[in-house]
N, C-alpha and C. Protein backbone atom coordinates (compact mmCIF):
# COMPACT_ATOMS: atom_id res chain seq x y z
N MET A 1 -18.35 49.28 17.93
CA MET A 1 -18.01 48.17 18.81
C MET A 1 -18.89 46.96 18.56
N VAL A 2 -20.16 47.19 18.29
CA VAL A 2 -21.09 46.10 18.03
C VAL A 2 -20.73 45.40 16.73
N ILE A 3 -20.30 46.13 15.69
CA ILE A 3 -19.92 45.54 14.41
C ILE A 3 -18.71 44.63 14.59
N PHE A 4 -17.75 45.04 15.39
CA PHE A 4 -16.56 44.23 15.63
C PHE A 4 -16.93 42.89 16.25
N ASN A 5 -17.84 42.89 17.21
CA ASN A 5 -18.26 41.65 17.85
C ASN A 5 -19.00 40.74 16.88
N LYS A 6 -19.78 41.32 15.96
CA LYS A 6 -20.49 40.51 14.97
C LYS A 6 -19.50 39.83 14.02
N LYS A 7 -18.44 40.54 13.66
CA LYS A 7 -17.43 39.94 12.77
C LYS A 7 -16.73 38.78 13.47
N ILE A 8 -16.44 38.95 14.74
CA ILE A 8 -15.81 37.86 15.48
C ILE A 8 -16.77 36.68 15.57
N ALA A 9 -18.03 36.98 15.87
CA ALA A 9 -19.02 35.91 15.99
C ALA A 9 -19.20 35.19 14.66
N LEU A 10 -19.23 35.94 13.55
CA LEU A 10 -19.38 35.31 12.23
C LEU A 10 -18.16 34.46 11.87
N GLY A 11 -17.01 34.80 12.38
CA GLY A 11 -15.82 33.99 12.14
C GLY A 11 -15.77 32.75 13.02
N ILE A 12 -16.31 32.86 14.21
CA ILE A 12 -16.28 31.73 15.15
C ILE A 12 -17.32 30.68 14.80
N VAL A 13 -18.48 31.10 14.32
CA VAL A 13 -19.57 30.16 14.03
C VAL A 13 -19.15 29.08 13.03
N PRO A 14 -18.55 29.43 11.87
CA PRO A 14 -18.12 28.35 10.96
C PRO A 14 -17.05 27.45 11.57
N PHE A 15 -16.17 28.02 12.36
CA PHE A 15 -15.13 27.22 13.00
C PHE A 15 -15.74 26.21 13.96
N VAL A 16 -16.70 26.63 14.76
CA VAL A 16 -17.37 25.72 15.70
C VAL A 16 -18.14 24.65 14.94
N CYS A 17 -18.80 25.02 13.84
CA CYS A 17 -19.54 24.04 13.03
C CYS A 17 -18.59 22.98 12.46
N LEU A 18 -17.44 23.40 11.97
CA LEU A 18 -16.46 22.45 11.45
C LEU A 18 -15.95 21.52 12.54
N MET A 19 -15.74 22.04 13.71
CA MET A 19 -15.27 21.21 14.82
C MET A 19 -16.32 20.17 15.20
N LEU A 20 -17.60 20.58 15.21
CA LEU A 20 -18.66 19.65 15.59
C LEU A 20 -18.91 18.60 14.52
N ALA A 21 -18.70 18.96 13.26
CA ALA A 21 -18.97 18.03 12.17
C ALA A 21 -17.77 17.14 11.86
N GLY A 22 -16.69 17.31 12.58
CA GLY A 22 -15.48 16.53 12.33
C GLY A 22 -15.71 15.04 12.48
N CYS A 23 -14.84 14.28 11.85
CA CYS A 23 -14.97 12.82 11.86
C CYS A 23 -14.01 12.21 12.87
N ASP A 24 -14.40 11.08 13.35
CA ASP A 24 -13.56 10.27 14.22
C ASP A 24 -13.22 8.99 13.47
N ARG A 25 -11.94 8.71 13.29
CA ARG A 25 -11.52 7.50 12.59
C ARG A 25 -11.14 6.45 13.63
N SER A 26 -11.67 5.27 13.43
CA SER A 26 -11.33 4.19 14.34
C SER A 26 -11.07 2.91 13.55
N VAL A 27 -10.13 2.14 14.03
CA VAL A 27 -9.84 0.84 13.44
C VAL A 27 -10.60 -0.18 14.27
N THR A 28 -11.58 -0.82 13.63
CA THR A 28 -12.45 -1.71 14.39
C THR A 28 -11.94 -3.15 14.44
N ALA A 29 -11.24 -3.57 13.42
CA ALA A 29 -10.79 -4.96 13.41
C ALA A 29 -9.42 -5.05 12.74
N THR A 30 -8.54 -5.82 13.33
CA THR A 30 -7.23 -6.05 12.75
C THR A 30 -6.93 -7.54 12.81
N ALA A 31 -6.53 -8.09 11.68
CA ALA A 31 -6.16 -9.50 11.62
C ALA A 31 -4.77 -9.59 11.00
N VAL A 32 -3.90 -10.35 11.62
CA VAL A 32 -2.53 -10.52 11.14
C VAL A 32 -2.30 -11.99 10.84
N SER A 33 -1.78 -12.26 9.64
CA SER A 33 -1.43 -13.63 9.29
C SER A 33 0.04 -13.68 8.89
N ASN A 34 0.74 -14.69 9.36
CA ASN A 34 2.17 -14.86 9.08
C ASN A 34 2.40 -16.17 8.35
N ARG A 35 3.30 -16.11 7.37
CA ARG A 35 3.70 -17.31 6.63
C ARG A 35 5.21 -17.30 6.49
N SER A 36 5.77 -18.49 6.41
CA SER A 36 7.21 -18.63 6.23
C SER A 36 7.45 -19.66 5.14
N VAL A 37 8.35 -19.34 4.20
CA VAL A 37 8.62 -20.23 3.07
C VAL A 37 10.13 -20.39 2.93
N GLN A 38 10.58 -21.63 2.81
CA GLN A 38 11.99 -21.92 2.54
C GLN A 38 12.19 -21.86 1.03
N LEU A 39 12.91 -20.85 0.53
CA LEU A 39 13.10 -20.69 -0.92
C LEU A 39 14.16 -21.63 -1.46
N ASP A 40 15.31 -21.64 -0.86
CA ASP A 40 16.37 -22.58 -1.21
C ASP A 40 17.12 -22.91 0.07
N SER A 41 18.27 -23.52 -0.04
CA SER A 41 18.96 -23.96 1.17
C SER A 41 19.42 -22.80 2.05
N ASP A 42 19.56 -21.61 1.48
CA ASP A 42 20.10 -20.48 2.24
C ASP A 42 19.06 -19.42 2.60
N HIS A 43 17.95 -19.35 1.90
CA HIS A 43 17.03 -18.22 2.04
C HIS A 43 15.67 -18.64 2.60
N VAL A 44 15.18 -17.83 3.54
CA VAL A 44 13.85 -18.01 4.12
C VAL A 44 13.07 -16.71 3.90
N LEU A 45 11.85 -16.84 3.38
CA LEU A 45 10.99 -15.69 3.13
C LEU A 45 9.89 -15.65 4.17
N MET A 46 9.79 -14.54 4.89
CA MET A 46 8.73 -14.34 5.88
C MET A 46 7.72 -13.37 5.29
N VAL A 47 6.44 -13.74 5.29
CA VAL A 47 5.38 -12.90 4.73
C VAL A 47 4.36 -12.63 5.83
N GLU A 48 4.06 -11.35 6.03
CA GLU A 48 3.05 -10.96 7.02
C GLU A 48 2.00 -10.10 6.33
N LYS A 49 0.73 -10.42 6.57
CA LYS A 49 -0.37 -9.63 6.01
C LYS A 49 -1.23 -9.13 7.16
N MET A 50 -1.51 -7.82 7.14
CA MET A 50 -2.35 -7.21 8.16
C MET A 50 -3.60 -6.65 7.48
N ASP A 51 -4.77 -7.13 7.90
CA ASP A 51 -6.05 -6.63 7.41
C ASP A 51 -6.65 -5.71 8.47
N GLN A 52 -7.14 -4.54 8.03
CA GLN A 52 -7.77 -3.60 8.95
C GLN A 52 -9.11 -3.16 8.38
N ASN A 53 -10.06 -2.93 9.26
CA ASN A 53 -11.34 -2.36 8.89
C ASN A 53 -11.40 -0.99 9.55
N GLU A 54 -11.40 0.08 8.73
CA GLU A 54 -11.41 1.44 9.25
C GLU A 54 -12.80 2.04 9.07
N VAL A 55 -13.28 2.72 10.11
CA VAL A 55 -14.60 3.36 10.08
C VAL A 55 -14.42 4.82 10.45
N GLU A 56 -14.99 5.72 9.64
CA GLU A 56 -15.00 7.14 9.95
C GLU A 56 -16.43 7.55 10.23
N LYS A 57 -16.66 8.12 11.42
CA LYS A 57 -18.01 8.55 11.76
C LYS A 57 -17.97 9.92 12.41
N GLY A 58 -19.07 10.64 12.30
CA GLY A 58 -19.19 11.97 12.87
C GLY A 58 -19.12 11.92 14.39
N VAL A 59 -18.47 12.91 14.97
CA VAL A 59 -18.30 12.94 16.42
C VAL A 59 -19.64 13.17 17.11
N ILE A 60 -20.40 14.13 16.64
CA ILE A 60 -21.67 14.47 17.28
C ILE A 60 -22.80 13.59 16.78
N THR A 61 -22.92 13.46 15.46
CA THR A 61 -24.07 12.76 14.88
C THR A 61 -23.94 11.25 14.96
N GLY A 62 -22.73 10.73 14.98
CA GLY A 62 -22.54 9.29 14.97
C GLY A 62 -22.79 8.67 13.60
N HIS A 63 -22.99 9.51 12.58
CA HIS A 63 -23.23 9.03 11.22
C HIS A 63 -21.95 8.45 10.64
N VAL A 64 -22.04 7.27 10.04
CA VAL A 64 -20.88 6.62 9.43
C VAL A 64 -20.69 7.21 8.03
N TYR A 65 -19.55 7.88 7.81
CA TYR A 65 -19.26 8.51 6.53
C TYR A 65 -18.49 7.60 5.59
N LYS A 66 -17.65 6.75 6.13
CA LYS A 66 -16.80 5.94 5.27
C LYS A 66 -16.40 4.66 6.01
N VAL A 67 -16.47 3.55 5.30
CA VAL A 67 -15.99 2.27 5.80
C VAL A 67 -15.03 1.72 4.75
N SER A 68 -13.84 1.35 5.17
CA SER A 68 -12.88 0.83 4.19
C SER A 68 -12.11 -0.35 4.79
N ASP A 69 -11.84 -1.29 3.92
CA ASP A 69 -11.00 -2.43 4.27
C ASP A 69 -9.62 -2.19 3.67
N VAL A 70 -8.60 -2.24 4.50
CA VAL A 70 -7.24 -1.94 4.08
C VAL A 70 -6.35 -3.13 4.42
N PHE A 71 -5.43 -3.46 3.51
CA PHE A 71 -4.47 -4.52 3.81
C PHE A 71 -3.07 -4.00 3.58
N LYS A 72 -2.13 -4.61 4.27
CA LYS A 72 -0.72 -4.23 4.15
C LYS A 72 0.12 -5.49 4.23
N TYR A 73 0.99 -5.66 3.25
CA TYR A 73 1.92 -6.79 3.25
C TYR A 73 3.29 -6.31 3.70
N ALA A 74 3.98 -7.17 4.41
CA ALA A 74 5.38 -6.94 4.78
C ALA A 74 6.12 -8.26 4.54
N ILE A 75 7.22 -8.18 3.80
CA ILE A 75 8.02 -9.38 3.57
C ILE A 75 9.44 -9.13 4.06
N GLU A 76 10.07 -10.20 4.50
CA GLU A 76 11.47 -10.13 4.92
C GLU A 76 12.18 -11.37 4.40
N LEU A 77 13.31 -11.15 3.76
CA LEU A 77 14.13 -12.25 3.25
C LEU A 77 15.35 -12.39 4.15
N LYS A 78 15.51 -13.58 4.69
CA LYS A 78 16.67 -13.84 5.55
C LYS A 78 17.63 -14.74 4.80
N PRO A 79 18.89 -14.60 4.90
CA PRO A 79 19.70 -13.86 5.85
C PRO A 79 20.02 -12.42 5.43
N GLU A 80 19.57 -11.96 4.25
CA GLU A 80 19.91 -10.62 3.78
C GLU A 80 19.29 -9.51 4.61
N GLN A 81 18.23 -9.81 5.37
CA GLN A 81 17.46 -8.83 6.11
C GLN A 81 16.89 -7.77 5.17
N ALA A 82 16.41 -8.22 4.02
CA ALA A 82 15.76 -7.33 3.06
C ALA A 82 14.29 -7.24 3.44
N ILE A 83 13.83 -6.06 3.82
CA ILE A 83 12.47 -5.86 4.30
C ILE A 83 11.73 -4.96 3.31
N TRP A 84 10.53 -5.37 2.92
CA TRP A 84 9.66 -4.57 2.04
C TRP A 84 8.29 -4.51 2.68
N SER A 85 7.69 -3.33 2.69
CA SER A 85 6.36 -3.17 3.27
C SER A 85 5.65 -2.05 2.53
N LYS A 86 4.39 -2.29 2.16
CA LYS A 86 3.64 -1.26 1.46
C LYS A 86 2.15 -1.48 1.69
N ARG A 87 1.46 -0.42 2.03
CA ARG A 87 0.02 -0.49 2.26
C ARG A 87 -0.72 -0.52 0.93
N GLY A 88 -1.61 -1.46 0.77
CA GLY A 88 -2.42 -1.54 -0.44
C GLY A 88 -1.73 -2.19 -1.62
N ALA A 89 -0.56 -2.75 -1.43
CA ALA A 89 0.16 -3.42 -2.52
C ALA A 89 0.34 -4.89 -2.15
N GLU A 90 0.32 -5.74 -3.17
CA GLU A 90 0.44 -7.18 -2.94
C GLU A 90 1.64 -7.74 -3.68
N PRO A 91 2.63 -8.30 -2.96
CA PRO A 91 3.80 -8.88 -3.63
C PRO A 91 3.43 -10.16 -4.37
N LYS A 92 4.01 -10.34 -5.56
CA LYS A 92 3.69 -11.51 -6.38
C LYS A 92 4.89 -12.44 -6.58
N HIS A 93 6.06 -11.88 -6.97
CA HIS A 93 7.23 -12.71 -7.26
C HIS A 93 8.49 -12.05 -6.70
N LEU A 94 9.45 -12.91 -6.36
CA LEU A 94 10.75 -12.45 -5.87
C LEU A 94 11.83 -13.13 -6.70
N LEU A 95 12.77 -12.34 -7.20
CA LEU A 95 13.91 -12.87 -7.95
C LEU A 95 15.13 -12.87 -7.04
N LEU A 96 15.78 -14.02 -6.94
CA LEU A 96 17.04 -14.13 -6.22
C LEU A 96 18.16 -14.22 -7.24
N CYS A 97 18.96 -13.17 -7.32
CA CYS A 97 20.06 -13.11 -8.28
C CYS A 97 21.38 -12.96 -7.54
N ASP A 98 22.46 -13.24 -8.24
CA ASP A 98 23.78 -13.04 -7.64
C ASP A 98 24.04 -11.56 -7.37
N GLU A 99 23.53 -10.69 -8.26
CA GLU A 99 23.79 -9.26 -8.12
C GLU A 99 22.74 -8.54 -7.28
N GLY A 100 21.68 -9.23 -6.83
CA GLY A 100 20.69 -8.57 -5.97
C GLY A 100 19.33 -9.24 -5.97
N LEU A 101 18.38 -8.55 -5.38
CA LEU A 101 17.00 -9.02 -5.26
C LEU A 101 16.08 -8.12 -6.07
N TYR A 102 15.06 -8.74 -6.65
CA TYR A 102 14.07 -8.00 -7.43
C TYR A 102 12.68 -8.44 -6.97
N LEU A 103 11.74 -7.51 -6.97
CA LEU A 103 10.39 -7.79 -6.50
C LEU A 103 9.37 -7.32 -7.53
N HIS A 104 8.37 -8.17 -7.78
CA HIS A 104 7.23 -7.83 -8.63
C HIS A 104 6.02 -7.76 -7.71
N PHE A 105 5.31 -6.62 -7.73
CA PHE A 105 4.11 -6.49 -6.91
C PHE A 105 3.03 -5.77 -7.70
N MET A 106 1.79 -5.93 -7.25
CA MET A 106 0.65 -5.25 -7.87
C MET A 106 0.08 -4.27 -6.85
N GLU A 107 -0.37 -3.12 -7.38
CA GLU A 107 -0.86 -2.07 -6.50
C GLU A 107 -2.01 -1.33 -7.15
N LYS A 108 -2.99 -0.95 -6.33
CA LYS A 108 -4.11 -0.15 -6.81
C LYS A 108 -3.80 1.31 -6.52
N ARG A 109 -3.76 2.11 -7.58
CA ARG A 109 -3.48 3.54 -7.44
C ARG A 109 -4.62 4.35 -8.04
N ARG A 110 -4.72 5.58 -7.60
CA ARG A 110 -5.74 6.47 -8.12
C ARG A 110 -5.48 6.76 -9.60
N ASN A 111 -6.53 6.76 -10.40
CA ASN A 111 -6.43 7.03 -11.83
C ASN A 111 -6.24 8.52 -12.05
N PRO A 112 -5.10 8.97 -12.57
CA PRO A 112 -4.88 10.41 -12.77
C PRO A 112 -5.74 10.99 -13.89
N LEU A 113 -6.28 10.14 -14.75
CA LEU A 113 -7.10 10.62 -15.87
C LEU A 113 -8.59 10.67 -15.55
N TYR A 114 -8.98 10.16 -14.38
CA TYR A 114 -10.40 10.12 -14.04
C TYR A 114 -10.87 11.49 -13.57
N VAL A 115 -11.91 12.00 -14.20
CA VAL A 115 -12.56 13.23 -13.77
C VAL A 115 -14.06 12.97 -13.82
N GLN A 116 -14.72 13.20 -12.69
CA GLN A 116 -16.17 13.02 -12.68
C GLN A 116 -16.78 14.24 -13.36
N PRO A 117 -17.53 14.06 -14.46
CA PRO A 117 -18.00 15.19 -15.24
C PRO A 117 -18.92 16.13 -14.46
N GLU A 118 -19.87 15.60 -13.76
CA GLU A 118 -20.79 16.41 -12.97
C GLU A 118 -21.11 15.66 -11.69
N PRO A 119 -21.40 16.40 -10.63
CA PRO A 119 -21.78 15.69 -9.40
C PRO A 119 -23.04 14.85 -9.62
N GLU A 120 -22.98 13.62 -9.18
CA GLU A 120 -24.11 12.72 -9.33
C GLU A 120 -24.49 12.16 -7.97
N ALA A 121 -25.72 11.72 -7.88
CA ALA A 121 -26.20 11.14 -6.63
C ALA A 121 -25.56 9.78 -6.37
N LYS A 122 -25.27 9.04 -7.44
CA LYS A 122 -24.67 7.72 -7.26
C LYS A 122 -23.15 7.80 -7.38
N ALA A 123 -22.49 6.89 -6.73
CA ALA A 123 -21.03 6.86 -6.76
C ALA A 123 -20.53 6.32 -8.09
N ALA A 124 -19.38 6.81 -8.52
CA ALA A 124 -18.78 6.33 -9.77
C ALA A 124 -18.22 4.93 -9.57
N SER A 125 -18.04 4.24 -10.66
CA SER A 125 -17.51 2.88 -10.62
C SER A 125 -16.08 2.89 -10.10
N GLU A 126 -15.74 1.91 -9.27
CA GLU A 126 -14.38 1.78 -8.76
C GLU A 126 -13.38 1.54 -9.88
N ALA A 127 -13.84 0.90 -10.95
CA ALA A 127 -12.95 0.60 -12.07
C ALA A 127 -12.47 1.89 -12.74
N LEU A 128 -13.24 2.95 -12.68
CA LEU A 128 -12.83 4.21 -13.28
C LEU A 128 -11.90 5.01 -12.37
N LYS A 129 -12.13 4.95 -11.08
CA LYS A 129 -11.37 5.76 -10.14
C LYS A 129 -9.96 5.23 -9.89
N TYR A 130 -9.78 3.93 -10.03
CA TYR A 130 -8.50 3.32 -9.67
C TYR A 130 -7.96 2.45 -10.81
N ILE A 131 -6.65 2.30 -10.82
CA ILE A 131 -5.97 1.44 -11.79
C ILE A 131 -5.11 0.45 -11.00
N VAL A 132 -5.26 -0.83 -11.31
CA VAL A 132 -4.40 -1.85 -10.70
C VAL A 132 -3.29 -2.13 -11.69
N GLY A 133 -2.06 -1.95 -11.25
CA GLY A 133 -0.94 -2.11 -12.16
C GLY A 133 0.19 -2.93 -11.57
N HIS A 134 1.07 -3.37 -12.45
CA HIS A 134 2.26 -4.12 -12.07
C HIS A 134 3.38 -3.13 -11.79
N HIS A 135 4.13 -3.38 -10.73
CA HIS A 135 5.26 -2.54 -10.37
C HIS A 135 6.44 -3.44 -10.01
N TYR A 136 7.63 -2.92 -10.24
CA TYR A 136 8.84 -3.70 -10.06
C TYR A 136 9.84 -2.89 -9.25
N SER A 137 10.55 -3.55 -8.34
CA SER A 137 11.54 -2.88 -7.49
C SER A 137 12.79 -3.74 -7.39
N GLN A 138 13.90 -3.06 -7.12
CA GLN A 138 15.19 -3.72 -6.91
C GLN A 138 15.69 -3.31 -5.53
N PHE A 139 16.24 -4.28 -4.81
CA PHE A 139 16.78 -4.02 -3.48
C PHE A 139 18.20 -3.50 -3.60
N VAL A 140 18.47 -2.36 -2.98
CA VAL A 140 19.80 -1.76 -2.97
C VAL A 140 20.31 -1.83 -1.53
N ASP A 141 21.44 -2.50 -1.36
CA ASP A 141 22.01 -2.70 -0.02
C ASP A 141 23.34 -1.98 0.07
N LYS A 142 23.36 -0.87 0.79
CA LYS A 142 24.58 -0.08 0.99
C LYS A 142 25.02 -0.15 2.46
N ARG A 143 24.70 -1.26 3.12
CA ARG A 143 25.05 -1.41 4.53
C ARG A 143 26.46 -1.99 4.66
N TYR A 144 27.09 -1.68 5.78
CA TYR A 144 28.43 -2.20 6.06
C TYR A 144 28.60 -2.33 7.57
N LEU A 145 29.70 -2.90 7.98
CA LEU A 145 30.01 -3.13 9.39
C LEU A 145 28.89 -3.92 10.06
N PHE A 146 28.73 -5.18 9.63
CA PHE A 146 27.72 -6.11 10.15
C PHE A 146 26.29 -5.58 9.97
N ASN A 147 26.07 -4.82 8.91
CA ASN A 147 24.77 -4.22 8.59
C ASN A 147 24.26 -3.24 9.64
N TRP A 148 25.16 -2.67 10.43
CA TRP A 148 24.76 -1.69 11.43
C TRP A 148 24.72 -0.28 10.84
N LEU A 149 25.61 0.00 9.91
CA LEU A 149 25.72 1.33 9.32
C LEU A 149 25.34 1.27 7.85
N GLY A 150 24.95 2.39 7.31
CA GLY A 150 24.58 2.45 5.90
C GLY A 150 23.08 2.36 5.70
N ASP A 151 22.69 2.15 4.46
CA ASP A 151 21.28 2.16 4.08
C ASP A 151 20.92 0.96 3.23
N ALA A 152 19.70 0.51 3.37
CA ALA A 152 19.13 -0.53 2.51
C ALA A 152 17.74 -0.06 2.11
N TYR A 153 17.44 -0.10 0.81
CA TYR A 153 16.16 0.43 0.34
C TYR A 153 15.78 -0.23 -0.99
N TRP A 154 14.53 -0.03 -1.39
CA TRP A 154 14.01 -0.55 -2.66
C TRP A 154 13.84 0.62 -3.62
N VAL A 155 14.26 0.44 -4.87
CA VAL A 155 14.06 1.45 -5.91
C VAL A 155 13.19 0.86 -7.01
N ASP A 156 12.36 1.71 -7.61
CA ASP A 156 11.51 1.26 -8.71
C ASP A 156 12.34 1.05 -9.97
N ILE A 157 12.02 0.00 -10.70
CA ILE A 157 12.69 -0.28 -11.97
C ILE A 157 11.62 -0.53 -13.02
N SER A 158 12.04 -0.59 -14.27
CA SER A 158 11.10 -0.82 -15.36
C SER A 158 10.80 -2.32 -15.51
N GLN A 159 9.76 -2.60 -16.26
CA GLN A 159 9.40 -3.99 -16.53
C GLN A 159 10.49 -4.68 -17.34
N ASP A 160 11.14 -3.95 -18.23
CA ASP A 160 12.21 -4.52 -19.05
C ASP A 160 13.42 -4.92 -18.20
N GLN A 161 13.77 -4.09 -17.22
CA GLN A 161 14.87 -4.43 -16.32
C GLN A 161 14.55 -5.69 -15.52
N TYR A 162 13.31 -5.79 -15.07
CA TYR A 162 12.89 -6.97 -14.32
C TYR A 162 12.92 -8.21 -15.22
N ALA A 163 12.45 -8.07 -16.45
CA ALA A 163 12.42 -9.21 -17.38
C ALA A 163 13.83 -9.69 -17.71
N SER A 164 14.77 -8.76 -17.88
CA SER A 164 16.14 -9.19 -18.18
C SER A 164 16.77 -9.89 -16.97
N ALA A 165 16.44 -9.44 -15.77
CA ALA A 165 16.94 -10.13 -14.57
C ALA A 165 16.26 -11.48 -14.40
N ALA A 166 14.97 -11.58 -14.75
CA ALA A 166 14.23 -12.84 -14.61
C ALA A 166 14.78 -13.92 -15.54
N ALA A 167 15.35 -13.50 -16.67
CA ALA A 167 15.92 -14.47 -17.61
C ALA A 167 17.17 -15.14 -17.04
N GLN A 168 17.84 -14.48 -16.10
CA GLN A 168 19.10 -14.99 -15.57
C GLN A 168 19.01 -15.50 -14.13
N CYS A 169 17.88 -15.28 -13.47
CA CYS A 169 17.78 -15.58 -12.03
C CYS A 169 16.62 -16.53 -11.74
N GLU A 170 16.60 -17.01 -10.53
CA GLU A 170 15.53 -17.89 -10.06
C GLU A 170 14.37 -17.04 -9.54
N GLU A 171 13.16 -17.30 -10.06
CA GLU A 171 11.97 -16.55 -9.64
C GLU A 171 11.11 -17.41 -8.72
N TYR A 172 10.72 -16.84 -7.59
CA TYR A 172 9.90 -17.55 -6.61
C TYR A 172 8.57 -16.83 -6.43
N PRO A 173 7.46 -17.57 -6.41
CA PRO A 173 6.18 -16.93 -6.10
C PRO A 173 6.10 -16.60 -4.61
N ILE A 174 5.49 -15.48 -4.30
CA ILE A 174 5.32 -15.08 -2.91
C ILE A 174 3.90 -15.46 -2.48
N PRO A 175 3.75 -16.19 -1.38
CA PRO A 175 2.40 -16.56 -0.95
C PRO A 175 1.60 -15.31 -0.56
N ASN A 176 0.39 -15.21 -1.12
CA ASN A 176 -0.48 -14.07 -0.82
C ASN A 176 -1.93 -14.52 -0.93
N ASP A 177 -2.85 -13.62 -0.66
CA ASP A 177 -4.28 -13.95 -0.67
C ASP A 177 -4.96 -13.59 -1.98
N ASN A 178 -4.18 -13.23 -3.00
CA ASN A 178 -4.70 -12.87 -4.33
C ASN A 178 -5.77 -11.79 -4.26
N GLU A 179 -5.45 -10.70 -3.57
CA GLU A 179 -6.32 -9.53 -3.57
C GLU A 179 -6.41 -8.98 -5.00
N PHE A 180 -5.28 -9.01 -5.70
CA PHE A 180 -5.22 -8.63 -7.11
C PHE A 180 -4.82 -9.88 -7.89
N ILE A 181 -5.68 -10.32 -8.79
CA ILE A 181 -5.48 -11.58 -9.50
C ILE A 181 -4.81 -11.31 -10.84
N MET A 182 -3.77 -12.08 -11.14
CA MET A 182 -3.09 -12.01 -12.43
C MET A 182 -3.68 -13.08 -13.33
N THR A 183 -4.02 -12.69 -14.56
CA THR A 183 -4.51 -13.67 -15.52
C THR A 183 -3.33 -14.25 -16.29
N THR A 184 -3.57 -15.29 -17.09
CA THR A 184 -2.48 -15.89 -17.86
C THR A 184 -2.00 -14.95 -18.95
N ASP A 185 -2.86 -14.06 -19.44
CA ASP A 185 -2.46 -13.08 -20.45
C ASP A 185 -1.78 -11.87 -19.83
N ASP A 186 -1.80 -11.77 -18.52
CA ASP A 186 -1.32 -10.60 -17.81
C ASP A 186 0.18 -10.74 -17.54
N LYS A 187 0.98 -10.21 -18.42
CA LYS A 187 2.44 -10.31 -18.28
C LYS A 187 3.05 -9.05 -17.68
N GLY A 188 2.27 -8.06 -17.38
CA GLY A 188 2.83 -6.87 -16.77
C GLY A 188 2.43 -5.67 -17.50
């Protein structure tokens, strides 16, 4: 009987330690900025950027484990009601074509090839852990009956598909804060 109680106690102790060492995530600051741009006589582009400061700290110790600044862009093109929103991605250009809408954006993603060789006391360079790349999407509108029924969504396309559409359509820059900067040599 005593052995059984020790096994239960040994199982409960790590569980209690994990509960006490858990983190509390809080959003300390949020800033929202809105912009509106008249693209042509028929189209208005609404751009919203939300900046957040997230802090993770221990519940018991109060030790701050992680502080991160996160941004999220949301764009809406009227009158099409085409809405795009993605955390950590920055829209750069919008193509208005007769056959549809195309979007060029930049996004920071985790590097799948990065492996830290051995645990080190210092943190690895951010340039190794993440890759900032160009991404392209096309708006697919399958809505009907006054846009009440059906689906509207964005699908990823290749750079070549975007380039062929850009040759035939009007390209508009999207106002942003240049979190990810494109150089003149940076074509995608």
